[in-house]
Each structure stands twice: as structure tokens, then as C-alpha cells.
Amino acid sequence: MIHELSETAQFITTTFRPEMLMTADKFYGVLFDNQKVSSIRAIRREEAQEFVDQEAQVQ
């Protein structure tokens, strides 16, 4: 459904679901420093997959 609707709309999702990684075009990581300030950077699909895999092991 998201793939079909993406022709006319943009979707921003936050997820730990691996199947969403297969359809996304861009990935971003949110990093926190010692002062609790977040920063955002673009990451590769492989980095996103590694993060999702690590979270699955924790749970």
C-alpha cells in the first residue's frame, strides 16, 4: 500500500520492522550526545538493517 501511494505522497516512518527496510529509499539515524542533544545523519540500508537486527536480539 505504501509503495502504491508513494507515487503521490511522501511517508516518514519510524520502525524496527525489517520488511520496511526493503521498501524505503532513504534512511536516517538519530544520534544522541552526552548533553542529550540529538543529531540526524543519513545512513546506508545496511547500517539500518544492522540496527534493526541488534534491537531484535535485545528483545
Protein backbone atom coordinates (compact mmCIF):
# COMPACT_ATOMS: atom_id res chain seq x y z
CA MET A 1 0.00 0.00 0.00
CA ILE A 2 2.74 2.50 0.92
CA HIS A 3 4.58 1.71 -2.32
CA GLU A 4 1.48 2.48 -4.40
CA LEU A 5 0.67 5.67 -2.52
CA SER A 6 4.28 6.88 -2.66
CA GLU A 7 3.74 7.99 -6.25
CA THR A 8 1.66 10.90 -4.96
CA ALA A 9 2.73 11.20 -1.32
CA GLN A 10 5.77 11.07 0.93
CA PHE A 11 5.91 8.84 4.02
CA ILE A 12 8.15 9.17 7.03
CA THR A 13 8.10 6.18 9.34
CA THR A 14 9.95 5.12 12.44
CA THR A 15 10.20 1.39 12.67
CA PHE A 16 12.18 -1.64 13.73
CA ARG A 17 10.43 -3.84 11.18
CA PRO A 18 12.87 -5.39 8.68
CA GLU A 19 10.29 -5.57 5.87
CA MET A 20 10.01 -1.77 5.89
CA LEU A 21 13.73 -1.51 5.20
CA MET A 22 13.26 -3.32 1.90
CA THR A 23 10.87 -0.70 0.51
CA ALA A 24 12.40 2.53 1.84
CA ASP A 25 14.50 4.79 -0.37
CA LYS A 26 16.34 6.75 2.33
CA PHE A 27 17.44 6.00 5.87
CA TYR A 28 18.36 8.31 8.73
CA GLY A 29 19.94 7.64 12.09
CA VAL A 30 19.28 9.75 15.16
CA LEU A 31 22.28 10.07 17.45
CA PHE A 32 22.39 11.49 20.99
CA ASP A 33 25.43 13.08 22.56
CA ASN A 34 26.34 13.37 26.25
CA GLN A 35 24.27 16.54 26.61
CA LYS A 36 21.10 14.80 25.36
CA VAL A 37 21.13 16.69 22.10
CA SER A 38 20.09 14.68 19.07
CA SER A 39 21.53 14.91 15.59
CA ILE A 40 20.35 13.26 12.40
CA ARG A 41 22.50 11.78 9.65
CA ALA A 42 21.82 9.78 6.52
CA ILE A 43 22.79 6.12 6.79
CA ARG A 44 23.03 3.22 4.36
CA ARG A 45 20.42 0.46 4.18
CA GLU A 46 22.99 -1.95 5.62
CA GLU A 47 23.50 0.25 8.68
CA ALA A 48 19.76 0.44 9.23
CA GLN A 49 19.47 -3.34 8.93
CA GLU A 50 22.29 -3.85 11.44
CA PHE A 51 20.50 -1.59 13.91
CA VAL A 52 17.20 -3.46 13.47
CA ASP A 53 19.00 -6.80 13.90
CA GLN A 54 20.66 -5.60 17.13
CA GLU A 55 17.32 -4.41 18.53
CA ALA A 56 15.74 -7.78 17.75
CA GLN A 57 18.46 -9.53 19.77
CA VAL A 58 17.92 -7.24 22.77
CA GLN A 59 14.22 -8.00 22.92
